[in-house]
Amino acid sequence: MIKQPVLILQVFFLFSTTSIIFSWRMLYLPVIVKYGSMKLDHKRFLPCARECLATSWCSCFSNAYVETNNVHCHLYKDQQPSEGENFFSIVSLDVTRGNLALSKPVKQSSNYHIFKPEYVVDGDRICSGLNFSHTKFEDKYPWLQVDLGKEHVVQSVTIWNRQDCCRFKLHDFEIRVGNNKITDDYVTKVFDANGLCGRHVGGGIETDPFTMMCEPCSLAGRYVTIQITHFCSDCPEPNINVLHVCEVEIYGFEV
């Protein structure tokens, strides 16, 4: 018999028995938690996602449950809730849904020879030949942006690095989600117009896959951007930034 997807609540902070910050993920497992089990459909979060999208300064949202059937939306400008605030947030990968990035339109700051950005959304995670994206060496802050086509709640982004060599090049990057489309001039400056899902600091990604969870709460928007934001002083090419990616997978749900 196939078990229904259920929620695992992961407690981060506890201020009282009714004040819990948690993340969730869908798994085919029974749930036993200290404060009981709770089943939630992702549609319960859509009103808050829409409210965030309609608010110009909102970069992140969460859902507070005062009672089981009463949902209160909390919107955040800087993605950090106030200390002691009571809220439930969706931040973890929902493995029961598909990759939102697959075959979606994608653009990068520049194209180095045949290494086009479309490779990162082709579904091929094995990139030991020529099937990965690669920007030009002249880009100061190279970037890549996936267009989801319409607004989605993004919970996580998974990246596969180039596998034949030069893994150090995928270093010091940020992942952002929002409705602002990146423009060509951001090759010389850091893009910060959309909400920050997370950042990787330091040398290149050495193991695949690398998953960035959008924490402490999920982000809503149409565009997902990956950009190198610093030079890597301890890398073999400390004065050159090149963004190369094998595959990008984005998980969440449509608003």
Protein backbone atom coordinates (compact mmCIF):
# COMPACT_ATOMS: atom_id res chain seq x y z
CA MET A 1 0.00 0.00 0.00
CA ILE A 2 1.34 3.45 -0.95
CA LYS A 3 1.49 5.83 1.97
CA GLN A 4 0.21 9.35 1.54
CA PRO A 5 2.73 12.21 1.67
CA VAL A 6 2.96 13.67 5.13
CA LEU A 7 4.82 16.50 6.81
CA ILE A 8 7.88 16.30 8.99
CA LEU A 9 8.16 19.35 11.23
CA GLN A 10 11.69 20.42 12.06
CA VAL A 11 11.80 22.74 15.08
CA PHE A 12 14.35 25.56 14.87
CA PHE A 13 13.40 27.77 17.83
CA LEU A 14 10.92 27.38 20.67
CA PHE A 15 9.60 30.37 22.61
CA SER A 16 6.43 28.75 23.99
CA THR A 17 4.28 25.70 23.27
CA THR A 18 2.41 27.71 20.62
CA SER A 19 5.43 29.50 19.18
CA ILE A 20 7.40 27.28 16.83
CA ILE A 21 9.39 28.01 13.71
CA PHE A 22 9.60 24.99 11.46
CA SER A 23 10.45 23.78 7.99
CA TRP A 24 8.65 21.04 6.11
CA ARG A 25 9.25 18.45 3.47
CA MET A 26 7.04 15.89 1.76
CA LEU A 27 8.09 12.29 2.40
CA TYR A 28 6.41 8.89 2.24
CA LEU A 29 6.96 8.26 5.94
CA PRO A 30 4.83 8.23 9.07
CA VAL A 31 5.25 11.28 11.28
CA ILE A 32 5.66 11.45 15.03
CA VAL A 33 6.70 14.83 16.45
CA LYS A 34 6.82 16.15 19.96
CA TYR A 35 3.92 18.52 19.40
CA GLY A 36 1.85 16.18 17.22
CA SER A 37 1.41 15.53 13.50
CA MET A 38 -0.01 18.00 10.99
CA LYS A 39 -0.98 17.53 7.35
CA LEU A 40 -1.02 20.62 5.13
CA ASP A 41 -1.77 21.01 1.44
CA HIS A 42 0.49 23.44 -0.42
CA LYS A 43 -2.64 25.31 -1.57
CA ARG A 44 -3.01 26.57 2.00
CA PHE A 45 0.06 28.75 1.37
CA LEU A 46 -1.11 30.32 -1.88
CA PRO A 47 -2.97 33.31 -0.36
CA CYS A 48 0.23 34.41 1.39
CA ALA A 49 2.27 33.90 -1.77
CA ARG A 50 -0.15 36.10 -3.72
CA GLU A 51 -0.10 38.76 -1.00
CA CYS A 52 3.71 38.83 -1.10
CA LEU A 53 3.71 39.17 -4.88
CA ALA A 54 1.28 42.08 -4.67
CA THR A 55 3.46 43.92 -2.12
CA SER A 56 6.37 45.77 -3.71
CA TRP A 57 8.77 45.47 -0.76
CA CYS A 58 8.05 41.80 0.05
CA SER A 59 10.94 39.42 -0.60
CA CYS A 60 9.77 36.49 1.51
CA PHE A 61 6.66 35.20 3.27
CA SER A 62 5.58 32.75 5.93
CA ASN A 63 2.34 31.44 7.39
CA ALA A 64 1.31 31.66 11.04
CA TYR A 65 -1.26 29.26 12.45
CA VAL A 66 -3.00 30.62 15.53
CA GLU A 67 -5.56 27.85 15.19
CA THR A 68 -5.70 24.90 12.80
CA ASN A 69 -7.95 26.61 10.25
CA ASN A 70 -6.83 30.22 10.67
CA VAL A 71 -3.92 31.30 8.48
CA HIS A 72 -2.19 34.65 8.96
CA CYS A 73 0.36 35.88 6.43
CA HIS A 74 3.66 37.39 7.49
CA LEU A 75 5.60 39.34 4.87
CA TYR A 76 9.30 40.15 5.18
CA LYS A 77 11.46 42.72 3.44
CA ASP A 78 14.86 41.32 4.39
CA GLN A 79 13.91 37.66 4.80
CA GLN A 80 14.53 37.69 8.54
CA PRO A 81 11.61 37.46 11.00
CA SER A 82 11.66 39.42 14.22
CA GLU A 83 13.03 37.60 17.24
CA GLY A 84 10.33 35.69 19.05
CA GLU A 85 7.77 36.02 16.27
CA ASN A 86 5.39 33.09 15.92
CA PHE A 87 5.25 31.66 12.42
CA PHE A 88 5.33 28.50 10.37
CA SER A 89 7.33 28.68 7.17
CA ILE A 90 7.67 26.47 4.12
CA VAL A 91 11.32 26.17 3.25
CA SER A 92 12.13 22.60 2.25
CA LEU A 93 12.11 20.57 -0.93
CA ASP A 94 8.83 18.97 -1.94
CA VAL A 95 10.10 15.81 -3.60
CA THR A 96 6.65 14.85 -4.89
CA ARG A 97 6.66 17.65 -7.49
CA GLY A 98 8.73 17.98 -10.65
CA ASN A 99 11.62 20.20 -11.66
CA LEU A 100 10.23 23.65 -12.53
CA ALA A 101 13.32 24.64 -14.54
CA LEU A 102 13.17 21.81 -17.09
CA SER A 103 13.12 23.21 -20.66
CA LYS A 104 12.36 26.74 -19.44
CA PRO A 105 13.83 29.84 -21.14
CA VAL A 106 17.26 30.66 -19.75
CA LYS A 107 19.84 33.39 -20.32
CA GLN A 108 23.38 34.06 -19.12
CA SER A 109 25.47 37.22 -19.00
CA SER A 110 27.53 36.09 -22.01
CA ASN A 111 28.09 32.94 -24.06
CA TYR A 112 31.58 31.47 -24.29
CA HIS A 113 31.84 29.69 -27.64
CA ILE A 114 29.36 26.76 -27.82
CA PHE A 115 28.63 26.60 -24.09
CA LYS A 116 25.08 27.93 -24.20
CA PRO A 117 22.76 28.42 -21.20
CA GLU A 118 20.11 26.01 -22.53
CA TYR A 119 22.28 23.12 -21.35
CA VAL A 120 21.42 23.86 -17.70
CA VAL A 121 17.71 23.09 -18.22
CA ASP A 122 17.97 20.09 -20.58
CA GLY A 123 17.59 17.46 -17.84
CA ASP A 124 21.09 16.00 -18.35
CA ARG A 125 23.02 15.90 -15.06
CA ILE A 126 26.15 14.29 -16.57
CA CYS A 127 28.37 17.04 -18.00
CA SER A 128 31.81 15.67 -18.74
CA GLY A 129 31.82 16.73 -22.39
CA LEU A 130 30.60 20.00 -23.87
CA ASN A 131 27.05 20.12 -22.53
CA PHE A 132 27.35 22.80 -19.84
CA SER A 133 26.95 26.57 -19.73
CA HIS A 134 29.98 28.87 -19.61
CA THR A 135 30.27 32.67 -19.56
CA LYS A 136 33.06 34.75 -21.06
CA PHE A 137 36.19 35.50 -19.05
CA GLU A 138 35.59 39.26 -19.29
CA ASP A 139 32.43 39.25 -17.13
CA LYS A 140 33.08 40.74 -13.70
CA TYR A 141 29.99 39.29 -12.04
CA PRO A 142 28.65 36.63 -14.42
CA TRP A 143 25.07 35.48 -14.02
CA LEU A 144 22.49 33.00 -15.26
CA GLN A 145 18.72 33.46 -15.04
CA VAL A 146 15.90 30.93 -15.51
CA ASP A 147 12.48 32.25 -16.53
CA LEU A 148 9.75 30.07 -14.99
CA GLY A 149 7.18 31.70 -17.27
CA LYS A 150 4.86 32.69 -14.44
CA GLU A 151 5.04 33.29 -10.71
CA HIS A 152 5.96 30.36 -8.50
CA VAL A 153 6.78 29.77 -4.87
CA VAL A 154 10.41 28.57 -4.93
CA GLN A 155 11.51 26.37 -2.06
CA SER A 156 14.92 25.16 -3.25
CA VAL A 157 17.43 25.26 -6.10
CA THR A 158 19.72 22.32 -6.92
CA ILE A 159 22.89 22.75 -8.99
CA TRP A 160 25.20 20.27 -10.72
CA ASN A 161 28.69 21.61 -11.36
CA ARG A 162 30.84 20.91 -14.42
CA GLN A 163 32.39 17.49 -13.90
CA ASP A 164 35.44 17.14 -16.15
CA CYS A 165 37.57 19.91 -14.60
CA CYS A 166 37.73 23.40 -13.13
CA ARG A 167 35.09 22.94 -10.45
CA PHE A 168 36.60 25.86 -8.53
CA LYS A 169 34.97 28.29 -10.96
CA LEU A 170 31.53 27.82 -9.38
CA HIS A 171 32.33 29.89 -6.28
CA ASP A 172 30.93 32.77 -4.19
CA PHE A 173 27.49 32.90 -5.76
CA GLU A 174 24.03 34.08 -4.77
CA ILE A 175 20.66 32.64 -5.77
CA ARG A 176 17.77 35.11 -5.96
CA VAL A 177 14.06 34.73 -6.73
CA GLY A 178 11.57 37.43 -7.73
CA ASN A 179 9.70 39.19 -10.51
CA ASN A 180 12.56 41.48 -11.54
CA LYS A 181 14.34 40.40 -14.71
CA ILE A 182 18.10 40.85 -14.66
CA THR A 183 19.59 43.17 -17.30
CA ASP A 184 22.89 43.13 -19.17
CA ASP A 185 24.42 45.93 -17.09
CA TYR A 186 24.55 43.65 -14.05
CA VAL A 187 27.64 42.02 -15.47
CA THR A 188 29.57 44.86 -13.77
CA LYS A 189 27.57 45.01 -10.53
CA VAL A 190 25.80 42.68 -8.13
CA PHE A 191 22.10 42.05 -8.75
CA ASP A 192 20.03 42.56 -5.58
CA ALA A 193 16.58 43.50 -6.89
CA ASN A 194 15.01 40.13 -6.00
CA GLY A 195 14.78 38.22 -2.73
CA LEU A 196 17.82 36.23 -1.59
CA CYS A 197 17.28 32.48 -1.46
CA GLY A 198 20.82 31.89 -0.22
CA ARG A 199 24.52 32.28 -0.96
CA HIS A 200 27.55 30.02 -1.22
CA VAL A 201 30.72 31.59 0.16
CA GLY A 202 34.20 30.46 -0.83
CA GLY A 203 35.67 27.98 -3.27
CA GLY A 204 33.88 25.95 -5.90
CA ILE A 205 31.25 23.28 -5.37
CA GLU A 206 33.14 19.98 -5.12
CA THR A 207 30.26 17.51 -4.74
CA ASP A 208 27.08 17.06 -6.77
CA PRO A 209 24.34 17.86 -6.37
CA PHE A 210 24.43 21.09 -4.34
CA THR A 211 21.04 22.17 -2.98
CA MET A 212 20.25 25.65 -1.70
CA MET A 213 17.15 25.82 0.48
CA CYS A 214 15.34 29.17 0.48
CA GLU A 215 15.39 29.82 4.23
CA PRO A 216 13.99 30.91 6.58
CA CYS A 217 11.00 31.08 4.23
CA SER A 218 10.19 30.41 0.61
CA LEU A 219 10.37 33.08 -2.08
CA ALA A 220 7.75 33.96 -4.69
CA GLY A 221 8.55 35.10 -8.21
CA ARG A 222 9.03 34.31 -11.88
CA TYR A 223 12.82 34.57 -12.24
CA VAL A 224 15.57 32.56 -10.55
CA THR A 225 19.07 34.05 -10.82
CA ILE A 226 22.51 32.63 -10.03
CA GLN A 227 25.32 35.19 -9.92
CA ILE A 228 28.96 35.14 -8.83
CA THR A 229 29.33 38.13 -6.51
CA HIS A 230 32.99 38.05 -5.40
CA PHE A 231 36.42 37.12 -6.66
CA CYS A 232 37.98 34.01 -5.12
CA SER A 233 41.33 34.87 -3.56
CA ASP A 234 42.32 31.25 -2.92
CA CYS A 235 41.25 29.89 -6.32
CA PRO A 236 43.67 29.11 -9.20
CA GLU A 237 42.26 32.11 -11.11
CA PRO A 238 41.79 34.74 -8.36
CA ASN A 239 41.21 37.65 -10.75
CA ILE A 240 38.76 35.94 -13.11
CA ASN A 241 35.11 35.09 -12.56
CA VAL A 242 33.54 32.50 -14.85
CA LEU A 243 30.13 30.96 -14.24
CA HIS A 244 29.78 27.45 -15.59
CA VAL A 245 26.91 25.12 -14.65
CA CYS A 246 25.95 21.62 -15.73
CA GLU A 247 22.31 21.54 -14.61
CA VAL A 248 19.88 23.60 -12.54
CA GLU A 249 16.74 22.17 -10.95
CA ILE A 250 14.17 24.38 -9.23
CA TYR A 251 11.52 23.06 -6.85
CA GLY A 252 8.34 24.66 -5.57
CA PHE A 253 4.84 25.21 -6.90
CA GLU A 254 2.83 27.59 -9.06
CA VAL A 255 1.09 30.53 -7.40
